[in-house]
Amino acid sequence: MSEGSSRAELFLKPRGVGGPVPFPEDELEVPPPSPETPIEEAEYVALDVETTGNTPFLVIEIGAERFRLSGSLSLFDTLVHTRAPINTYARRRHQISRDMLEGAPEFPDARRAFLHFARGAVLVEHSHDAFDSYLIGRGLRRPLDNPVIDTSTLARLVLDLPMGQTPGLARVVEELGLDASPAHAALGDAQATAAVFRELAKRARHRFGWTTLEHFLMATDRPPVDRSALEGGQRRGPRRPNKGTTRREGVPS
């Protein structure tokens, strides 16, 4: 259920909340989905993170929405405390300042809470190189066992977008005509990603006849990414392009 053996009570600090709020952990077992699970029966967790933008690019916000194709189930939102400075460009983009992190959990506790929130779910992220889930799982004794679906790859397939490009989240939202406004706040971007996946899944089922998780996982499978240059820290630096733009496949985000 969590990394390590500590069972200390967890507290989160959502953006815009003045102080820490308790995060309840229960003992309910949530079985993982199988490839044969119908897409309507699976539960998903759309994930987005923001970082300091400086080496070692530490996570300072985690946002997520747990949902089914029928609609939202619950939300996860917390700032993450770090003593590292925040890059000026990154701060301008995500509007997170050092003082906002006071009272927020440090990364191990924030991740422990997120992993509890996401247990038994398929992770959904708008990242062709699985970078958000990489940041969450980095340093764990064993890799995340949640299957991961990338909505940027799925959007290319469903919307017939040009190959060799990764459509930004804002562009996909616009292409689908959704009422969502991704704006570099982790929770808002996660909610936009969830809305994108729900719509793309419905269209893929109608167009391609995809009905199980296996169909989506195989269609959006990504080759391994060489992260050897990142072993000293977490990426997502000041040159990361706006999620509302299009970037070339394989260019770091």
Protein backbone atom coordinates (compact mmCIF):
# COMPACT_ATOMS: atom_id res chain seq x y z
CA MET A 1 0.00 0.00 0.00
CA SER A 2 2.88 2.35 0.66
CA GLU A 3 6.62 2.61 0.43
CA GLY A 4 8.24 1.81 3.74
CA SER A 5 6.73 0.66 7.00
CA SER A 6 5.74 3.96 8.62
CA ARG A 7 2.04 4.30 9.31
CA ALA A 8 2.12 7.89 10.52
CA GLU A 9 -0.99 9.87 9.69
CA LEU A 10 -0.77 11.63 6.35
CA PHE A 11 -1.57 15.27 5.68
CA LEU A 12 -1.90 16.98 2.31
CA LYS A 13 -1.95 20.64 1.33
CA PRO A 14 -4.08 21.29 -1.77
CA ARG A 15 -3.33 24.43 -3.75
CA GLY A 16 -5.37 27.33 -2.42
CA VAL A 17 -5.89 25.76 1.03
CA GLY A 18 -4.37 27.61 3.96
CA GLY A 19 -3.08 24.62 5.90
CA PRO A 20 -2.62 20.86 5.89
CA VAL A 21 -5.67 18.59 5.74
CA PRO A 22 -5.73 14.92 6.81
CA PHE A 23 -5.63 12.23 4.16
CA PRO A 24 -7.46 9.09 5.35
CA GLU A 25 -6.03 5.69 4.48
CA ASP A 26 -8.29 2.66 4.64
CA GLU A 27 -7.48 -1.04 4.51
CA LEU A 28 -9.79 -1.79 1.59
CA GLU A 29 -8.09 -3.99 -0.99
CA VAL A 30 -8.63 -2.87 -4.58
CA PRO A 31 -7.70 -5.62 -7.06
CA PRO A 32 -5.75 -4.51 -10.13
CA PRO A 33 -7.49 -4.67 -13.49
CA SER A 34 -6.60 -7.35 -16.01
CA PRO A 35 -6.07 -6.81 -19.75
CA GLU A 36 -9.47 -8.43 -20.32
CA THR A 37 -11.28 -5.92 -18.09
CA PRO A 38 -13.98 -4.07 -20.09
CA ILE A 39 -13.15 -0.39 -20.32
CA GLU A 40 -16.48 0.54 -18.71
CA GLU A 41 -15.67 -1.54 -15.62
CA ALA A 42 -12.11 -0.30 -15.02
CA GLU A 43 -11.22 2.60 -12.77
CA TYR A 44 -8.65 5.14 -13.95
CA VAL A 45 -6.48 7.80 -12.32
CA ALA A 46 -5.44 10.75 -14.48
CA LEU A 47 -2.15 12.17 -13.19
CA ASP A 48 -0.25 15.43 -13.59
CA VAL A 49 2.72 16.86 -11.69
CA GLU A 50 4.60 20.17 -11.51
CA THR A 51 8.27 20.53 -10.54
CA THR A 52 10.87 23.05 -9.43
CA GLY A 53 12.24 23.31 -12.96
CA ASN A 54 15.80 23.11 -11.64
CA THR A 55 18.14 20.15 -11.31
CA PRO A 56 17.25 17.78 -9.75
CA PHE A 57 13.73 18.85 -10.86
CA LEU A 58 11.80 17.94 -7.74
CA VAL A 59 8.03 17.42 -7.68
CA ILE A 60 6.21 20.28 -5.97
CA GLU A 61 2.60 19.44 -6.88
CA ILE A 62 0.62 16.28 -7.61
CA GLY A 63 -2.89 16.39 -9.00
CA ALA A 64 -5.10 13.46 -9.95
CA GLU A 65 -8.68 12.47 -10.72
CA ARG A 66 -9.99 8.96 -10.13
CA PHE A 67 -12.78 8.16 -12.56
CA ARG A 68 -14.68 5.71 -14.69
CA LEU A 69 -15.91 6.31 -18.21
CA SER A 70 -19.25 7.20 -16.64
CA GLY A 71 -17.75 10.09 -14.66
CA SER A 72 -15.53 11.33 -11.86
CA LEU A 73 -15.14 9.40 -8.60
CA SER A 74 -12.72 11.47 -6.49
CA LEU A 75 -9.91 14.02 -6.63
CA PHE A 76 -6.35 14.19 -5.25
CA ASP A 77 -4.49 17.47 -4.90
CA THR A 78 -1.42 18.41 -2.90
CA LEU A 79 1.54 20.70 -2.98
CA VAL A 80 4.83 19.02 -2.06
CA HIS A 81 7.39 20.64 0.23
CA THR A 82 10.99 21.00 -0.85
CA ARG A 83 13.83 23.25 0.24
CA ALA A 84 15.11 23.50 -3.33
CA PRO A 85 14.64 26.76 -5.23
CA ILE A 86 11.96 27.04 -7.91
CA ASN A 87 13.10 28.12 -11.36
CA THR A 88 11.77 31.53 -12.37
CA TYR A 89 10.34 30.28 -15.66
CA ALA A 90 8.69 27.30 -13.96
CA ARG A 91 7.19 29.53 -11.26
CA ARG A 92 5.77 31.87 -13.91
CA ARG A 93 4.22 28.86 -15.65
CA HIS A 94 2.65 27.00 -12.71
CA GLN A 95 2.31 29.92 -10.27
CA ILE A 96 3.74 28.00 -7.30
CA SER A 97 5.98 30.00 -4.96
CA ARG A 98 8.19 28.85 -2.10
CA ASP A 99 5.86 30.18 0.59
CA MET A 100 2.97 28.10 -0.80
CA LEU A 101 4.92 24.93 0.03
CA GLU A 102 5.11 25.65 3.76
CA GLY A 103 3.10 23.03 5.64
CA ALA A 104 2.90 20.73 2.62
CA PRO A 105 4.03 17.09 2.91
CA GLU A 106 7.47 16.10 1.67
CA PHE A 107 7.61 13.90 -1.41
CA PRO A 108 7.71 10.46 0.30
CA ASP A 109 4.48 11.19 2.19
CA ALA A 110 2.82 12.84 -0.81
CA ARG A 111 3.69 9.85 -2.97
CA ARG A 112 2.49 7.40 -0.32
CA ALA A 113 -0.87 9.16 -0.29
CA PHE A 114 -1.06 9.21 -4.09
CA LEU A 115 -0.23 5.51 -4.41
CA HIS A 116 -3.00 4.74 -1.94
CA PHE A 117 -5.39 6.94 -3.95
CA ALA A 118 -4.41 5.21 -7.21
CA ARG A 119 -4.40 1.59 -6.01
CA GLY A 120 -6.11 -0.81 -8.38
CA ALA A 121 -6.45 1.82 -11.13
CA VAL A 122 -5.07 2.38 -14.62
CA LEU A 123 -2.90 5.50 -14.71
CA VAL A 124 -3.68 7.99 -17.48
CA GLU A 125 -1.25 10.75 -18.40
CA HIS A 126 -0.74 13.15 -21.28
CA SER A 127 2.93 12.36 -21.79
CA HIS A 128 4.42 10.43 -24.70
CA ASP A 129 7.41 9.38 -22.57
CA ALA A 130 5.45 8.44 -19.42
CA PHE A 131 7.24 11.17 -17.52
CA ASP A 132 4.66 11.99 -14.85
CA SER A 133 4.38 8.36 -13.77
CA TYR A 134 8.18 8.09 -13.98
CA LEU A 135 8.56 10.95 -11.50
CA ILE A 136 6.07 9.36 -9.12
CA GLY A 137 7.70 5.93 -9.30
CA ARG A 138 11.33 6.98 -9.30
CA GLY A 139 13.27 5.61 -6.35
CA LEU A 140 10.69 3.01 -5.31
CA ARG A 141 12.04 -0.42 -4.40
CA ARG A 142 9.90 -1.86 -7.18
CA PRO A 143 8.36 -0.16 -10.23
CA LEU A 144 4.77 1.03 -10.23
CA ASP A 145 2.54 -1.89 -11.12
CA ASN A 146 -0.30 0.27 -12.46
CA PRO A 147 -0.80 -0.02 -16.22
CA VAL A 148 -0.37 3.36 -17.96
CA ILE A 149 -2.25 4.84 -20.93
CA ASP A 150 -0.94 7.94 -22.74
CA THR A 151 -3.65 10.26 -24.06
CA SER A 152 -1.30 12.04 -26.46
CA THR A 153 -0.66 8.81 -28.38
CA LEU A 154 -4.33 7.86 -28.15
CA ALA A 155 -5.35 11.26 -29.52
CA ARG A 156 -3.08 10.85 -32.54
CA LEU A 157 -4.73 7.53 -33.35
CA VAL A 158 -8.33 8.53 -32.77
CA LEU A 159 -8.15 12.02 -34.29
CA ASP A 160 -5.80 11.14 -37.18
CA LEU A 161 -3.25 13.73 -36.08
CA PRO A 162 0.17 13.83 -37.80
CA MET A 163 2.59 11.07 -36.85
CA GLY A 164 5.90 12.17 -35.35
CA GLN A 165 4.24 14.89 -33.29
CA THR A 166 2.85 14.87 -29.78
CA PRO A 167 -0.31 16.99 -29.55
CA GLY A 168 -0.42 19.22 -26.50
CA LEU A 169 -3.18 18.80 -23.94
CA ALA A 170 -4.81 22.13 -24.79
CA ARG A 171 -4.87 21.24 -28.48
CA VAL A 172 -6.56 17.90 -27.82
CA VAL A 173 -9.12 19.56 -25.55
CA GLU A 174 -9.89 21.99 -28.38
CA GLU A 175 -10.02 19.26 -31.04
CA LEU A 176 -12.54 17.34 -28.93
CA GLY A 177 -14.61 20.41 -28.08
CA LEU A 178 -14.40 19.74 -24.34
CA ASP A 179 -15.26 22.14 -21.54
CA ALA A 180 -11.84 21.99 -19.86
CA SER A 181 -9.05 24.52 -19.34
CA PRO A 182 -5.58 23.03 -18.79
CA ALA A 183 -3.39 25.77 -17.28
CA HIS A 184 -0.34 24.20 -15.58
CA ALA A 185 -2.04 23.52 -12.26
CA ALA A 186 -1.64 19.82 -11.54
CA LEU A 187 -5.24 19.10 -10.53
CA GLY A 188 -6.75 21.12 -13.38
CA ASP A 189 -4.51 19.44 -15.94
CA ALA A 190 -5.30 16.02 -14.48
CA GLN A 191 -9.04 16.74 -14.75
CA ALA A 192 -8.57 17.86 -18.35
CA THR A 193 -6.63 14.64 -19.06
CA ALA A 194 -9.46 12.59 -17.54
CA ALA A 195 -12.03 14.38 -19.71
CA VAL A 196 -9.86 13.80 -22.78
CA PHE A 197 -9.52 10.09 -22.05
CA ARG A 198 -13.25 9.60 -21.49
CA GLU A 199 -14.04 11.17 -24.86
CA LEU A 200 -11.22 9.43 -26.74
CA ALA A 201 -12.21 6.05 -25.25
CA LYS A 202 -15.78 6.48 -26.45
CA ARG A 203 -14.62 7.42 -29.94
CA ALA A 204 -12.09 4.57 -30.08
CA ARG A 205 -14.75 2.08 -29.06
CA HIS A 206 -17.03 3.35 -31.83
CA ARG A 207 -14.34 3.66 -34.51
CA PHE A 208 -12.04 0.70 -33.77
CA GLY A 209 -14.24 -1.59 -31.69
CA TRP A 210 -11.89 -1.41 -28.70
CA THR A 211 -13.72 -2.76 -25.67
CA THR A 212 -11.04 -3.97 -23.22
CA LEU A 213 -8.04 -2.45 -21.50
CA GLU A 214 -5.77 -4.64 -23.61
CA HIS A 215 -6.90 -2.84 -26.76
CA PHE A 216 -5.90 0.54 -25.31
CA LEU A 217 -2.69 -0.63 -23.68
CA MET A 218 -1.45 -2.27 -26.87
CA ALA A 219 -2.38 0.71 -29.04
CA THR A 220 -0.59 3.21 -26.77
CA ASP A 221 2.40 1.05 -25.82
CA ARG A 222 5.58 3.13 -25.72
CA PRO A 223 9.17 1.98 -26.24
CA PRO A 224 11.53 2.16 -23.26
CA VAL A 225 12.97 5.62 -22.63
CA ASP A 226 16.67 6.08 -21.86
CA ARG A 227 16.66 8.08 -18.62
CA SER A 228 20.32 7.53 -17.75
CA ALA A 229 21.01 11.26 -18.02
CA LEU A 230 18.35 11.89 -15.36
CA GLU A 231 19.71 9.61 -12.67
CA GLY A 232 20.96 12.60 -10.72
CA GLY A 233 17.47 14.05 -10.36
CA GLN A 234 14.03 14.54 -11.80
CA ARG A 235 13.43 16.27 -15.10
CA ARG A 236 10.84 18.77 -16.33
CA GLY A 237 12.94 21.85 -16.49
CA PRO A 238 12.58 25.41 -17.67
CA ARG A 239 12.62 24.46 -21.36
CA ARG A 240 9.59 22.23 -21.10
CA PRO A 241 7.09 23.49 -23.69
CA ASN A 242 3.60 24.62 -22.82
CA LYS A 243 1.14 21.71 -22.67
CA GLY A 244 -1.04 23.63 -25.04
CA THR A 245 1.54 23.38 -27.83
CA THR A 246 2.64 20.60 -30.12
CA ARG A 247 6.09 19.11 -29.65
CA ARG A 248 8.03 16.66 -31.77
CA GLU A 249 7.98 13.04 -30.74
CA GLY A 250 11.09 12.25 -28.74
CA VAL A 251 11.85 15.85 -27.72
CA PRO A 252 12.10 16.16 -23.90
CA SER A 253 9.09 17.75 -22.28
